Amino acid sequence: EAYWRAQPLAALTAYLDVAQPIAALTGTQ
């Protein structure tokens, strides 16, 4: 979180456009 808050908004947006959500991190098995 701290890393991405320090990056330019364009870089964050570009990363989020290609990043895949990790379903295992959104809940418990």
mmCIF file of all heavy atoms, coordinates in Angstrom:
data_MODEL
# 
_entry.id   MODEL 
# 
loop_
_atom_site.group_PDB 
_atom_site.id 
_atom_site.type_symbol 
_atom_site.label_atom_id 
_atom_site.label_alt_id 
_atom_site.label_comp_id 
_atom_site.label_asym_id 
_atom_site.label_entity_id 
_atom_site.label_seq_id 
_atom_site.pdbx_PDB_ins_code 
_atom_site.Cartn_x 
_atom_site.Cartn_y 
_atom_site.Cartn_z 
_atom_site.occupancy 
_atom_site.B_iso_or_equiv 
_atom_site.pdbx_formal_charge 
_atom_site.auth_seq_id 
_atom_site.auth_comp_id 
_atom_site.auth_asym_id 
_atom_site.auth_atom_id 
_atom_site.pdbx_PDB_model_num 
ATOM 1   N N   . GLU A 1 1  ? 0.809   -1.218  0.000   1.00 0.00 ? 1  GLU A N   1 
ATOM 2   C CA  . GLU A 1 1  ? 0.000   0.000   0.000   1.00 0.00 ? 1  GLU A CA  1 
ATOM 3   C C   . GLU A 1 1  ? 0.845   1.271   0.000   1.00 0.00 ? 1  GLU A C   1 
ATOM 4   O O   . GLU A 1 1  ? 0.614   2.178   -0.797  1.00 0.00 ? 1  GLU A O   1 
ATOM 5   C CB  . GLU A 1 1  ? -0.948  0.012   1.199   1.00 0.00 ? 1  GLU A CB  1 
ATOM 6   C CG  . GLU A 1 1  ? -1.842  1.226   1.217   1.00 0.00 ? 1  GLU A CG  1 
ATOM 7   C CD  . GLU A 1 1  ? -2.834  1.210   2.361   1.00 0.00 ? 1  GLU A CD  1 
ATOM 8   O OE1 . GLU A 1 1  ? -2.833  0.269   3.177   1.00 0.00 ? 1  GLU A OE1 1 
ATOM 9   O OE2 . GLU A 1 1  ? -3.634  2.159   2.421   1.00 0.00 ? 1  GLU A OE2 1 
ATOM 10  N N   . ALA A 1 2  ? 1.839   1.360   0.868   1.00 0.00 ? 2  ALA A N   1 
ATOM 11  C CA  . ALA A 1 2  ? 2.665   2.576   0.948   1.00 0.00 ? 2  ALA A CA  1 
ATOM 12  C C   . ALA A 1 2  ? 3.399   2.826   -0.371  1.00 0.00 ? 2  ALA A C   1 
ATOM 13  O O   . ALA A 1 2  ? 3.504   3.968   -0.823  1.00 0.00 ? 2  ALA A O   1 
ATOM 14  C CB  . ALA A 1 2  ? 3.661   2.463   2.095   1.00 0.00 ? 2  ALA A CB  1 
ATOM 15  N N   . TYR A 1 3  ? 3.882   1.750   -0.986  1.00 0.00 ? 3  TYR A N   1 
ATOM 16  C CA  . TYR A 1 3  ? 4.585   1.894   -2.266  1.00 0.00 ? 3  TYR A CA  1 
ATOM 17  C C   . TYR A 1 3  ? 3.659   2.494   -3.327  1.00 0.00 ? 3  TYR A C   1 
ATOM 18  O O   . TYR A 1 3  ? 4.023   3.444   -4.017  1.00 0.00 ? 3  TYR A O   1 
ATOM 19  C CB  . TYR A 1 3  ? 5.121   0.538   -2.732  1.00 0.00 ? 3  TYR A CB  1 
ATOM 20  C CG  . TYR A 1 3  ? 5.677   0.573   -4.131  1.00 0.00 ? 3  TYR A CG  1 
ATOM 21  C CD1 . TYR A 1 3  ? 6.945   1.069   -4.373  1.00 0.00 ? 3  TYR A CD1 1 
ATOM 22  C CD2 . TYR A 1 3  ? 4.925   0.130   -5.217  1.00 0.00 ? 3  TYR A CD2 1 
ATOM 23  C CE1 . TYR A 1 3  ? 7.464   1.112   -5.657  1.00 0.00 ? 3  TYR A CE1 1 
ATOM 24  C CE2 . TYR A 1 3  ? 5.427   0.176   -6.494  1.00 0.00 ? 3  TYR A CE2 1 
ATOM 25  C CZ  . TYR A 1 3  ? 6.690   0.667   -6.716  1.00 0.00 ? 3  TYR A CZ  1 
ATOM 26  O OH  . TYR A 1 3  ? 7.196   0.718   -7.994  1.00 0.00 ? 3  TYR A OH  1 
ATOM 27  N N   . TRP A 1 4  ? 2.463   1.929   -3.463  1.00 0.00 ? 4  TRP A N   1 
ATOM 28  C CA  . TRP A 1 4  ? 1.557   2.397   -4.514  1.00 0.00 ? 4  TRP A CA  1 
ATOM 29  C C   . TRP A 1 4  ? 0.974   3.767   -4.211  1.00 0.00 ? 4  TRP A C   1 
ATOM 30  O O   . TRP A 1 4  ? 0.626   4.499   -5.133  1.00 0.00 ? 4  TRP A O   1 
ATOM 31  C CB  . TRP A 1 4  ? 0.459   1.369   -4.785  1.00 0.00 ? 4  TRP A CB  1 
ATOM 32  C CG  . TRP A 1 4  ? 1.000   0.240   -5.596  1.00 0.00 ? 4  TRP A CG  1 
ATOM 33  C CD1 . TRP A 1 4  ? 1.213   -1.042  -5.199  1.00 0.00 ? 4  TRP A CD1 1 
ATOM 34  C CD2 . TRP A 1 4  ? 1.461   0.309   -6.949  1.00 0.00 ? 4  TRP A CD2 1 
ATOM 35  N NE1 . TRP A 1 4  ? 1.768   -1.762  -6.215  1.00 0.00 ? 4  TRP A NE1 1 
ATOM 36  C CE2 . TRP A 1 4  ? 1.928   -0.968  -7.310  1.00 0.00 ? 4  TRP A CE2 1 
ATOM 37  C CE3 . TRP A 1 4  ? 1.529   1.318   -7.902  1.00 0.00 ? 4  TRP A CE3 1 
ATOM 38  C CZ2 . TRP A 1 4  ? 2.450   -1.256  -8.566  1.00 0.00 ? 4  TRP A CZ2 1 
ATOM 39  C CZ3 . TRP A 1 4  ? 2.044   1.036   -9.156  1.00 0.00 ? 4  TRP A CZ3 1 
ATOM 40  C CH2 . TRP A 1 4  ? 2.495   -0.237  -9.472  1.00 0.00 ? 4  TRP A CH2 1 
ATOM 41  N N   . ARG A 1 5  ? 0.884   4.155   -2.966  1.00 0.00 ? 5  ARG A N   1 
ATOM 42  C CA  . ARG A 1 5  ? 0.421   5.515   -2.649  1.00 0.00 ? 5  ARG A CA  1 
ATOM 43  C C   . ARG A 1 5  ? 1.475   6.548   -3.039  1.00 0.00 ? 5  ARG A C   1 
ATOM 44  O O   . ARG A 1 5  ? 1.139   7.693   -3.333  1.00 0.00 ? 5  ARG A O   1 
ATOM 45  C CB  . ARG A 1 5  ? 0.080   5.640   -1.175  1.00 0.00 ? 5  ARG A CB  1 
ATOM 46  C CG  . ARG A 1 5  ? -1.219  4.943   -0.828  1.00 0.00 ? 5  ARG A CG  1 
ATOM 47  C CD  . ARG A 1 5  ? -1.814  5.450   0.456   1.00 0.00 ? 5  ARG A CD  1 
ATOM 48  N NE  . ARG A 1 5  ? -3.035  4.726   0.785   1.00 0.00 ? 5  ARG A NE  1 
ATOM 49  C CZ  . ARG A 1 5  ? -4.233  5.042   0.329   1.00 0.00 ? 5  ARG A CZ  1 
ATOM 50  N NH1 . ARG A 1 5  ? -4.390  6.065   -0.458  1.00 0.00 ? 5  ARG A NH1 1 
ATOM 51  N NH2 . ARG A 1 5  ? -5.291  4.334   0.668   1.00 0.00 ? 5  ARG A NH2 1 
ATOM 52  N N   . ALA A 1 6  ? 2.750   6.158   -3.070  1.00 0.00 ? 6  ALA A N   1 
ATOM 53  C CA  . ALA A 1 6  ? 3.831   7.081   -3.425  1.00 0.00 ? 6  ALA A CA  1 
ATOM 54  C C   . ALA A 1 6  ? 4.033   7.186   -4.935  1.00 0.00 ? 6  ALA A C   1 
ATOM 55  O O   . ALA A 1 6  ? 4.682   8.119   -5.406  1.00 0.00 ? 6  ALA A O   1 
ATOM 56  C CB  . ALA A 1 6  ? 5.136   6.639   -2.763  1.00 0.00 ? 6  ALA A CB  1 
ATOM 57  N N   . GLN A 1 7  ? 3.479   6.254   -5.701  1.00 0.00 ? 7  GLN A N   1 
ATOM 58  C CA  . GLN A 1 7  ? 3.665   6.263   -7.152  1.00 0.00 ? 7  GLN A CA  1 
ATOM 59  C C   . GLN A 1 7  ? 2.711   7.253   -7.818  1.00 0.00 ? 7  GLN A C   1 
ATOM 60  O O   . GLN A 1 7  ? 1.664   7.578   -7.273  1.00 0.00 ? 7  GLN A O   1 
ATOM 61  C CB  . GLN A 1 7  ? 3.424   4.855   -7.720  1.00 0.00 ? 7  GLN A CB  1 
ATOM 62  C CG  . GLN A 1 7  ? 4.381   3.812   -7.194  1.00 0.00 ? 7  GLN A CG  1 
ATOM 63  C CD  . GLN A 1 7  ? 5.818   4.191   -7.426  1.00 0.00 ? 7  GLN A CD  1 
ATOM 64  O OE1 . GLN A 1 7  ? 6.221   4.542   -8.529  1.00 0.00 ? 7  GLN A OE1 1 
ATOM 65  N NE2 . GLN A 1 7  ? 6.614   4.171   -6.369  1.00 0.00 ? 7  GLN A NE2 1 
ATOM 66  N N   . PRO A 1 8  ? 3.059   7.705   -9.030  1.00 0.00 ? 8  PRO A N   1 
ATOM 67  C CA  . PRO A 1 8  ? 2.130   8.593   -9.755  1.00 0.00 ? 8  PRO A CA  1 
ATOM 68  C C   . PRO A 1 8  ? 0.806   7.875   -10.043 1.00 0.00 ? 8  PRO A C   1 
ATOM 69  O O   . PRO A 1 8  ? 0.774   6.650   -10.172 1.00 0.00 ? 8  PRO A O   1 
ATOM 70  C CB  . PRO A 1 8  ? 2.878   8.900   -11.062 1.00 0.00 ? 8  PRO A CB  1 
ATOM 71  C CG  . PRO A 1 8  ? 4.296   8.545   -10.811 1.00 0.00 ? 8  PRO A CG  1 
ATOM 72  C CD  . PRO A 1 8  ? 4.307   7.497   -9.745  1.00 0.00 ? 8  PRO A CD  1 
ATOM 73  N N   . LEU A 1 9  ? -0.249  8.652   -10.146 1.00 0.00 ? 9  LEU A N   1 
ATOM 74  C CA  . LEU A 1 9  ? -1.575  8.080   -10.384 1.00 0.00 ? 9  LEU A CA  1 
ATOM 75  C C   . LEU A 1 9  ? -1.613  7.295   -11.691 1.00 0.00 ? 9  LEU A C   1 
ATOM 76  O O   . LEU A 1 9  ? -2.255  6.245   -11.769 1.00 0.00 ? 9  LEU A O   1 
ATOM 77  C CB  . LEU A 1 9  ? -2.631  9.193   -10.393 1.00 0.00 ? 9  LEU A CB  1 
ATOM 78  C CG  . LEU A 1 9  ? -4.072  8.750   -10.526 1.00 0.00 ? 9  LEU A CG  1 
ATOM 79  C CD1 . LEU A 1 9  ? -4.472  7.831   -9.372  1.00 0.00 ? 9  LEU A CD1 1 
ATOM 80  C CD2 . LEU A 1 9  ? -4.995  9.939   -10.586 1.00 0.00 ? 9  LEU A CD2 1 
ATOM 81  N N   . ALA A 1 10 ? -0.906  7.761   -12.701 1.00 0.00 ? 10 ALA A N   1 
ATOM 82  C CA  . ALA A 1 10 ? -0.888  7.060   -13.992 1.00 0.00 ? 10 ALA A CA  1 
ATOM 83  C C   . ALA A 1 10 ? -0.272  5.669   -13.842 1.00 0.00 ? 10 ALA A C   1 
ATOM 84  O O   . ALA A 1 10 ? -0.753  4.700   -14.444 1.00 0.00 ? 10 ALA A O   1 
ATOM 85  C CB  . ALA A 1 10 ? -0.120  7.875   -15.026 1.00 0.00 ? 10 ALA A CB  1 
ATOM 86  N N   . ALA A 1 11 ? 0.787   5.541   -13.038 1.00 0.00 ? 11 ALA A N   1 
ATOM 87  C CA  . ALA A 1 11 ? 1.422   4.241   -12.828 1.00 0.00 ? 11 ALA A CA  1 
ATOM 88  C C   . ALA A 1 11 ? 0.489   3.300   -12.073 1.00 0.00 ? 11 ALA A C   1 
ATOM 89  O O   . ALA A 1 11 ? 0.379   2.116   -12.400 1.00 0.00 ? 11 ALA A O   1 
ATOM 90  C CB  . ALA A 1 11 ? 2.737   4.412   -12.072 1.00 0.00 ? 11 ALA A CB  1 
ATOM 91  N N   . LEU A 1 12 ? -0.191  3.820   -11.056 1.00 0.00 ? 12 LEU A N   1 
ATOM 92  C CA  . LEU A 1 12 ? -1.140  3.016   -10.288 1.00 0.00 ? 12 LEU A CA  1 
ATOM 93  C C   . LEU A 1 12 ? -2.264  2.526   -11.191 1.00 0.00 ? 12 LEU A C   1 
ATOM 94  O O   . LEU A 1 12 ? -2.619  1.346   -11.175 1.00 0.00 ? 12 LEU A O   1 
ATOM 95  C CB  . LEU A 1 12 ? -1.706  3.826   -9.129  1.00 0.00 ? 12 LEU A CB  1 
ATOM 96  C CG  . LEU A 1 12 ? -2.821  3.168   -8.323  1.00 0.00 ? 12 LEU A CG  1 
ATOM 97  C CD1 . LEU A 1 12 ? -2.331  1.910   -7.627  1.00 0.00 ? 12 LEU A CD1 1 
ATOM 98  C CD2 . LEU A 1 12 ? -3.391  4.144   -7.306  1.00 0.00 ? 12 LEU A CD2 1 
ATOM 99  N N   . THR A 1 13 ? -2.802  3.408   -11.995 1.00 0.00 ? 13 THR A N   1 
ATOM 100 C CA  . THR A 1 13 ? -3.898  3.047   -12.901 1.00 0.00 ? 13 THR A CA  1 
ATOM 101 C C   . THR A 1 13 ? -3.447  1.991   -13.902 1.00 0.00 ? 13 THR A C   1 
ATOM 102 O O   . THR A 1 13 ? -4.167  1.022   -14.163 1.00 0.00 ? 13 THR A O   1 
ATOM 103 C CB  . THR A 1 13 ? -4.418  4.296   -13.634 1.00 0.00 ? 13 THR A CB  1 
ATOM 104 O OG1 . THR A 1 13 ? -4.783  5.276   -12.659 1.00 0.00 ? 13 THR A OG1 1 
ATOM 105 C CG2 . THR A 1 13 ? -5.624  3.977   -14.484 1.00 0.00 ? 13 THR A CG2 1 
ATOM 106 N N   . ALA A 1 14 ? -2.252  2.168   -14.460 1.00 0.00 ? 14 ALA A N   1 
ATOM 107 C CA  . ALA A 1 14 ? -1.731  1.196   -15.430 1.00 0.00 ? 14 ALA A CA  1 
ATOM 108 C C   . ALA A 1 14 ? -1.547  -0.171  -14.776 1.00 0.00 ? 14 ALA A C   1 
ATOM 109 O O   . ALA A 1 14 ? -1.867  -1.207  -15.379 1.00 0.00 ? 14 ALA A O   1 
ATOM 110 C CB  . ALA A 1 14 ? -0.417  1.695   -16.018 1.00 0.00 ? 14 ALA A CB  1 
ATOM 111 N N   . TYR A 1 15 ? -1.039  -0.188  -13.550 1.00 0.00 ? 15 TYR A N   1 
ATOM 112 C CA  . TYR A 1 15 ? -0.851  -1.466  -12.844 1.00 0.00 ? 15 TYR A CA  1 
ATOM 113 C C   . TYR A 1 15 ? -2.200  -2.134  -12.578 1.00 0.00 ? 15 TYR A C   1 
ATOM 114 O O   . TYR A 1 15 ? -2.359  -3.334  -12.790 1.00 0.00 ? 15 TYR A O   1 
ATOM 115 C CB  . TYR A 1 15 ? -0.100  -1.251  -11.533 1.00 0.00 ? 15 TYR A CB  1 
ATOM 116 C CG  . TYR A 1 15 ? -0.042  -2.492  -10.685 1.00 0.00 ? 15 TYR A CG  1 
ATOM 117 C CD1 . TYR A 1 15 ? 0.812   -3.535  -11.009 1.00 0.00 ? 15 TYR A CD1 1 
ATOM 118 C CD2 . TYR A 1 15 ? -0.871  -2.640  -9.570  1.00 0.00 ? 15 TYR A CD2 1 
ATOM 119 C CE1 . TYR A 1 15 ? 0.850   -4.692  -10.238 1.00 0.00 ? 15 TYR A CE1 1 
ATOM 120 C CE2 . TYR A 1 15 ? -0.840  -3.788  -8.805  1.00 0.00 ? 15 TYR A CE2 1 
ATOM 121 C CZ  . TYR A 1 15 ? 0.026   -4.811  -9.139  1.00 0.00 ? 15 TYR A CZ  1 
ATOM 122 O OH  . TYR A 1 15 ? 0.054   -5.953  -8.391  1.00 0.00 ? 15 TYR A OH  1 
ATOM 123 N N   . LEU A 1 16 ? -3.157  -1.365  -12.096 1.00 0.00 ? 16 LEU A N   1 
ATOM 124 C CA  . LEU A 1 16 ? -4.452  -1.942  -11.751 1.00 0.00 ? 16 LEU A CA  1 
ATOM 125 C C   . LEU A 1 16 ? -5.203  -2.439  -12.981 1.00 0.00 ? 16 LEU A C   1 
ATOM 126 O O   . LEU A 1 16 ? -6.033  -3.350  -12.875 1.00 0.00 ? 16 LEU A O   1 
ATOM 127 C CB  . LEU A 1 16 ? -5.303  -0.936  -10.980 1.00 0.00 ? 16 LEU A CB  1 
ATOM 128 C CG  . LEU A 1 16 ? -4.773  -0.590  -9.583  1.00 0.00 ? 16 LEU A CG  1 
ATOM 129 C CD1 . LEU A 1 16 ? -5.651  0.473   -8.941  1.00 0.00 ? 16 LEU A CD1 1 
ATOM 130 C CD2 . LEU A 1 16 ? -4.667  -1.815  -8.705  1.00 0.00 ? 16 LEU A CD2 1 
ATOM 131 N N   . ASP A 1 17 ? -4.918  -1.856  -14.143 1.00 0.00 ? 17 ASP A N   1 
ATOM 132 C CA  . ASP A 1 17 ? -5.566  -2.311  -15.372 1.00 0.00 ? 17 ASP A CA  1 
ATOM 133 C C   . ASP A 1 17 ? -5.157  -3.741  -15.733 1.00 0.00 ? 17 ASP A C   1 
ATOM 134 O O   . ASP A 1 17 ? -5.930  -4.475  -16.326 1.00 0.00 ? 17 ASP A O   1 
ATOM 135 C CB  . ASP A 1 17 ? -5.245  -1.376  -16.535 1.00 0.00 ? 17 ASP A CB  1 
ATOM 136 C CG  . ASP A 1 17 ? -5.999  -0.055  -16.433 1.00 0.00 ? 17 ASP A CG  1 
ATOM 137 O OD1 . ASP A 1 17 ? -6.981  0.025   -15.652 1.00 0.00 ? 17 ASP A OD1 1 
ATOM 138 O OD2 . ASP A 1 17 ? -5.602  0.906   -17.134 1.00 0.00 ? 17 ASP A OD2 1 
ATOM 139 N N   . VAL A 1 18 ? -3.925  -4.131  -15.384 1.00 0.00 ? 18 VAL A N   1 
ATOM 140 C CA  . VAL A 1 18 ? -3.439  -5.469  -15.747 1.00 0.00 ? 18 VAL A CA  1 
ATOM 141 C C   . VAL A 1 18 ? -3.363  -6.426  -14.568 1.00 0.00 ? 18 VAL A C   1 
ATOM 142 O O   . VAL A 1 18 ? -3.200  -7.624  -14.749 1.00 0.00 ? 18 VAL A O   1 
ATOM 143 C CB  . VAL A 1 18 ? -2.058  -5.392  -16.440 1.00 0.00 ? 18 VAL A CB  1 
ATOM 144 C CG1 . VAL A 1 18 ? -2.153  -4.632  -17.748 1.00 0.00 ? 18 VAL A CG1 1 
ATOM 145 C CG2 . VAL A 1 18 ? -1.017  -4.776  -15.534 1.00 0.00 ? 18 VAL A CG2 1 
ATOM 146 N N   . ALA A 1 19 ? -3.458  -5.926  -13.338 1.00 0.00 ? 19 ALA A N   1 
ATOM 147 C CA  . ALA A 1 19 ? -3.356  -6.783  -12.149 1.00 0.00 ? 19 ALA A CA  1 
ATOM 148 C C   . ALA A 1 19 ? -4.584  -7.668  -12.033 1.00 0.00 ? 19 ALA A C   1 
ATOM 149 O O   . ALA A 1 19 ? -5.704  -7.227  -12.266 1.00 0.00 ? 19 ALA A O   1 
ATOM 150 C CB  . ALA A 1 19 ? -3.200  -5.929  -10.895 1.00 0.00 ? 19 ALA A CB  1 
ATOM 151 N N   . GLN A 1 20 ? -4.345  -8.918  -11.696 1.00 0.00 ? 20 GLN A N   1 
ATOM 152 C CA  . GLN A 1 20 ? -5.435  -9.872  -11.511 1.00 0.00 ? 20 GLN A CA  1 
ATOM 153 C C   . GLN A 1 20 ? -5.782  -9.971  -10.032 1.00 0.00 ? 20 GLN A C   1 
ATOM 154 O O   . GLN A 1 20 ? -4.884  -10.121 -9.204  1.00 0.00 ? 20 GLN A O   1 
ATOM 155 C CB  . GLN A 1 20 ? -5.014  -11.258 -12.020 1.00 0.00 ? 20 GLN A CB  1 
ATOM 156 C CG  . GLN A 1 20 ? -4.721  -11.296 -13.502 1.00 0.00 ? 20 GLN A CG  1 
ATOM 157 C CD  . GLN A 1 20 ? -5.962  -11.054 -14.330 1.00 0.00 ? 20 GLN A CD  1 
ATOM 158 O OE1 . GLN A 1 20 ? -7.027  -11.565 -14.004 1.00 0.00 ? 20 GLN A OE1 1 
ATOM 159 N NE2 . GLN A 1 20 ? -5.841  -10.284 -15.380 1.00 0.00 ? 20 GLN A NE2 1 
ATOM 160 N N   . PRO A 1 21 ? -7.051  -9.882  -9.674  1.00 0.00 ? 21 PRO A N   1 
ATOM 161 C CA  . PRO A 1 21 ? -7.421  -10.049 -8.266  1.00 0.00 ? 21 PRO A CA  1 
ATOM 162 C C   . PRO A 1 21 ? -7.050  -11.453 -7.783  1.00 0.00 ? 21 PRO A C   1 
ATOM 163 O O   . PRO A 1 21 ? -7.180  -12.419 -8.524  1.00 0.00 ? 21 PRO A O   1 
ATOM 164 C CB  . PRO A 1 21 ? -8.935  -9.874  -8.256  1.00 0.00 ? 21 PRO A CB  1 
ATOM 165 C CG  . PRO A 1 21 ? -9.248  -9.159  -9.520  1.00 0.00 ? 21 PRO A CG  1 
ATOM 166 C CD  . PRO A 1 21 ? -8.194  -9.564  -10.505 1.00 0.00 ? 21 PRO A CD  1 
ATOM 167 N N   . ILE A 1 22 ? -6.568  -11.547 -6.558  1.00 0.00 ? 22 ILE A N   1 
ATOM 168 C CA  . ILE A 1 22 ? -6.211  -12.831 -5.971  1.00 0.00 ? 22 ILE A CA  1 
ATOM 169 C C   . ILE A 1 22 ? -7.363  -13.240 -5.063  1.00 0.00 ? 22 ILE A C   1 
ATOM 170 O O   . ILE A 1 22 ? -7.533  -12.695 -3.970  1.00 0.00 ? 22 ILE A O   1 
ATOM 171 C CB  . ILE A 1 22 ? -4.888  -12.720 -5.192  1.00 0.00 ? 22 ILE A CB  1 
ATOM 172 C CG1 . ILE A 1 22 ? -3.776  -12.224 -6.126  1.00 0.00 ? 22 ILE A CG1 1 
ATOM 173 C CG2 . ILE A 1 22 ? -4.513  -14.061 -4.570  1.00 0.00 ? 22 ILE A CG2 1 
ATOM 174 C CD1 . ILE A 1 22 ? -2.494  -11.885 -5.420  1.00 0.00 ? 22 ILE A CD1 1 
ATOM 175 N N   . ALA A 1 23 ? -8.148  -14.192 -5.542  1.00 0.00 ? 23 ALA A N   1 
ATOM 176 C CA  . ALA A 1 23 ? -9.368  -14.580 -4.827  1.00 0.00 ? 23 ALA A CA  1 
ATOM 177 C C   . ALA A 1 23 ? -9.067  -15.132 -3.444  1.00 0.00 ? 23 ALA A C   1 
ATOM 178 O O   . ALA A 1 23 ? -9.842  -14.943 -2.516  1.00 0.00 ? 23 ALA A O   1 
ATOM 179 C CB  . ALA A 1 23 ? -10.137 -15.614 -5.642  1.00 0.00 ? 23 ALA A CB  1 
ATOM 180 N N   . ALA A 1 24 ? -7.932  -15.795 -3.286  1.00 0.00 ? 24 ALA A N   1 
ATOM 181 C CA  . ALA A 1 24 ? -7.588  -16.393 -1.992  1.00 0.00 ? 24 ALA A CA  1 
ATOM 182 C C   . ALA A 1 24 ? -7.384  -15.342 -0.915  1.00 0.00 ? 24 ALA A C   1 
ATOM 183 O O   . ALA A 1 24 ? -7.486  -15.638 0.268   1.00 0.00 ? 24 ALA A O   1 
ATOM 184 C CB  . ALA A 1 24 ? -6.338  -17.246 -2.129  1.00 0.00 ? 24 ALA A CB  1 
ATOM 185 N N   . LEU A 1 25 ? -7.113  -14.102 -1.311  1.00 0.00 ? 25 LEU A N   1 
ATOM 186 C CA  . LEU A 1 25 ? -6.864  -13.059 -0.332  1.00 0.00 ? 25 LEU A CA  1 
ATOM 187 C C   . LEU A 1 25 ? -8.125  -12.307 0.085   1.00 0.00 ? 25 LEU A C   1 
ATOM 188 O O   . LEU A 1 25 ? -8.080  -11.461 0.961   1.00 0.00 ? 25 LEU A O   1 
ATOM 189 C CB  . LEU A 1 25 ? -5.839  -12.064 -0.880  1.00 0.00 ? 25 LEU A CB  1 
ATOM 190 C CG  . LEU A 1 25 ? -4.473  -12.651 -1.207  1.00 0.00 ? 25 LEU A CG  1 
ATOM 191 C CD1 . LEU A 1 25 ? -3.581  -11.598 -1.814  1.00 0.00 ? 25 LEU A CD1 1 
ATOM 192 C CD2 . LEU A 1 25 ? -3.835  -13.248 0.025   1.00 0.00 ? 25 LEU A CD2 1 
ATOM 193 N N   . THR A 1 26 ? -9.243  -12.609 -0.552  1.00 0.00 ? 26 THR A N   1 
ATOM 194 C CA  . THR A 1 26 ? -10.470 -11.877 -0.244  1.00 0.00 ? 26 THR A CA  1 
ATOM 195 C C   . THR A 1 26 ? -11.335 -12.559 0.810   1.00 0.00 ? 26 THR A C   1 
ATOM 196 O O   . THR A 1 26 ? -12.316 -11.995 1.251   1.00 0.00 ? 26 THR A O   1 
ATOM 197 C CB  . THR A 1 26 ? -11.314 -11.669 -1.519  1.00 0.00 ? 26 THR A CB  1 
ATOM 198 O OG1 . THR A 1 26 ? -11.649 -12.946 -2.053  1.00 0.00 ? 26 THR A OG1 1 
ATOM 199 C CG2 . THR A 1 26 ? -10.560 -10.854 -2.542  1.00 0.00 ? 26 THR A CG2 1 
ATOM 200 N N   . GLY A 1 27 ? -10.996 -13.772 1.198   1.00 0.00 ? 27 GLY A N   1 
ATOM 201 C CA  . GLY A 1 27 ? -11.787 -14.465 2.214   1.00 0.00 ? 27 GLY A CA  1 
ATOM 202 C C   . GLY A 1 27 ? -11.039 -15.675 2.721   1.00 0.00 ? 27 GLY A C   1 
ATOM 203 O O   . GLY A 1 27 ? -9.876  -15.884 2.413   1.00 0.00 ? 27 GLY A O   1 
ATOM 204 N N   . THR A 1 28 ? -11.745 -16.478 3.509   1.00 0.00 ? 28 THR A N   1 
ATOM 205 C CA  . THR A 1 28 ? -11.133 -17.690 4.030   1.00 0.00 ? 28 THR A CA  1 
ATOM 206 C C   . THR A 1 28 ? -11.604 -18.884 3.216   1.00 0.00 ? 28 THR A C   1 
ATOM 207 O O   . THR A 1 28 ? -12.679 -18.859 2.609   1.00 0.00 ? 28 THR A O   1 
ATOM 208 C CB  . THR A 1 28 ? -11.504 -17.895 5.511   1.00 0.00 ? 28 THR A CB  1 
ATOM 209 O OG1 . THR A 1 28 ? -12.919 -18.053 5.609   1.00 0.00 ? 28 THR A OG1 1 
ATOM 210 C CG2 . THR A 1 28 ? -11.058 -16.730 6.365   1.00 0.00 ? 28 THR A CG2 1 
ATOM 211 N N   . GLN A 1 29 ? -10.825 -19.944 3.235   1.00 0.00 ? 29 GLN A N   1 
ATOM 212 C CA  . GLN A 1 29 ? -11.195 -21.140 2.492   1.00 0.00 ? 29 GLN A CA  1 
ATOM 213 C C   . GLN A 1 29 ? -12.375 -21.852 3.131   1.00 0.00 ? 29 GLN A C   1 
ATOM 214 O O   . GLN A 1 29 ? -13.126 -22.549 2.463   1.00 0.00 ? 29 GLN A O   1 
ATOM 215 C CB  . GLN A 1 29 ? -10.001 -22.093 2.405   1.00 0.00 ? 29 GLN A CB  1 
ATOM 216 C CG  . GLN A 1 29 ? -8.879  -21.561 1.554   1.00 0.00 ? 29 GLN A CG  1 
ATOM 217 C CD  . GLN A 1 29 ? -7.696  -22.512 1.523   1.00 0.00 ? 29 GLN A CD  1 
ATOM 218 O OE1 . GLN A 1 29 ? -7.596  -23.428 2.310   1.00 0.00 ? 29 GLN A OE1 1 
ATOM 219 N NE2 . GLN A 1 29 ? -6.802  -22.273 0.588   1.00 0.00 ? 29 GLN A NE2 1 
# 
